[in-house]
Amino acid sequence: MADIRNEVLYEELLKLDERMAESEAVMADLVAFMKDMNRELAEGQARTEALKRKLFKDRFDAQGLFVG
């Protein structure tokens, strides 16, 4: 009886281990996606700031506030 119980527990542990491996892979993909997205957002923000400086030149003070 104990052997059957241990076998069932072992099978459940194997299933959980498999699910954990799948979850880990999905999380790794998510982290990679988020890093790429953050990089793209930072690049876009830098381009926007450069365009603002180019378009408005001296209309922005040192703090980035519109003057005038």
Protein backbone atom coordinates (compact mmCIF):
# COMPACT_ATOMS: atom_id res chain seq x y z
CA MET A 1 0.00 0.00 0.00
CA ALA A 2 2.81 2.40 0.86
CA ASP A 3 4.57 1.52 -2.39
CA ILE A 4 1.51 2.53 -4.42
CA ARG A 5 1.18 5.76 -2.45
CA ASN A 6 4.85 6.59 -2.97
CA GLU A 7 4.53 5.81 -6.67
CA VAL A 8 1.55 8.15 -7.02
CA LEU A 9 3.41 10.88 -5.16
CA TYR A 10 6.46 10.38 -7.35
CA GLU A 11 4.33 10.66 -10.52
CA GLU A 12 2.77 13.86 -9.22
CA LEU A 13 6.21 15.26 -8.46
CA LEU A 14 7.34 14.47 -11.99
CA LYS A 15 4.30 16.28 -13.40
CA LEU A 16 4.96 19.29 -11.18
CA ASP A 17 8.61 19.30 -12.20
CA GLU A 18 7.60 19.30 -15.86
CA ARG A 19 5.15 22.16 -15.31
CA MET A 20 7.83 24.09 -13.43
CA ALA A 21 10.26 23.68 -16.34
CA GLU A 22 7.59 24.95 -18.76
CA SER A 23 6.85 27.92 -16.49
CA GLU A 24 10.55 28.72 -16.25
CA ALA A 25 10.88 28.73 -20.04
CA VAL A 26 7.86 31.00 -20.42
CA MET A 27 9.22 33.37 -17.78
CA ALA A 28 12.61 33.50 -19.54
CA ASP A 29 10.84 34.41 -22.80
CA LEU A 30 8.81 37.06 -21.01
CA VAL A 31 11.90 38.60 -19.43
CA ALA A 32 13.66 38.72 -22.80
CA PHE A 33 10.59 40.37 -24.37
CA MET A 34 10.38 42.93 -21.57
CA LYS A 35 14.09 43.79 -21.91
CA ASP A 36 13.65 44.33 -25.65
CA MET A 37 10.56 46.44 -25.06
CA ASN A 38 12.33 48.60 -22.47
CA ARG A 39 15.25 49.11 -24.87
CA GLU A 40 12.89 50.13 -27.67
CA LEU A 41 11.01 52.50 -25.38
CA ALA A 42 14.25 54.12 -24.23
CA GLU A 43 15.38 54.56 -27.84
CA GLY A 44 12.03 56.08 -28.76
CA GLN A 45 12.15 58.44 -25.80
CA ALA A 46 15.67 59.55 -26.75
CA ARG A 47 14.54 60.22 -30.33
CA THR A 48 11.54 62.19 -29.07
CA GLU A 49 13.73 64.31 -26.79
CA ALA A 50 16.19 64.97 -29.62
CA LEU A 51 13.35 66.02 -31.93
CA LYS A 52 11.90 68.32 -29.28
CA ARG A 53 15.28 69.98 -28.84
CA LYS A 54 15.70 70.32 -32.59
CA LEU A 55 12.20 71.72 -33.16
CA PHE A 56 11.97 74.06 -30.20
CA LYS A 57 15.67 74.85 -29.73
CA ASP A 58 15.91 77.57 -27.10
CA ARG A 59 12.25 77.53 -26.08
CA PHE A 60 13.02 74.97 -23.40
CA ASP A 61 14.83 75.99 -20.27
CA ALA A 62 17.35 73.81 -18.46
CA GLN A 63 14.57 71.84 -16.73
CA GLY A 64 12.84 71.01 -19.98
CA LEU A 65 9.94 73.40 -19.42
CA PHE A 66 8.48 75.34 -22.32
CA VAL A 67 9.36 79.03 -22.09
CA GLY A 68 7.26 81.61 -23.83
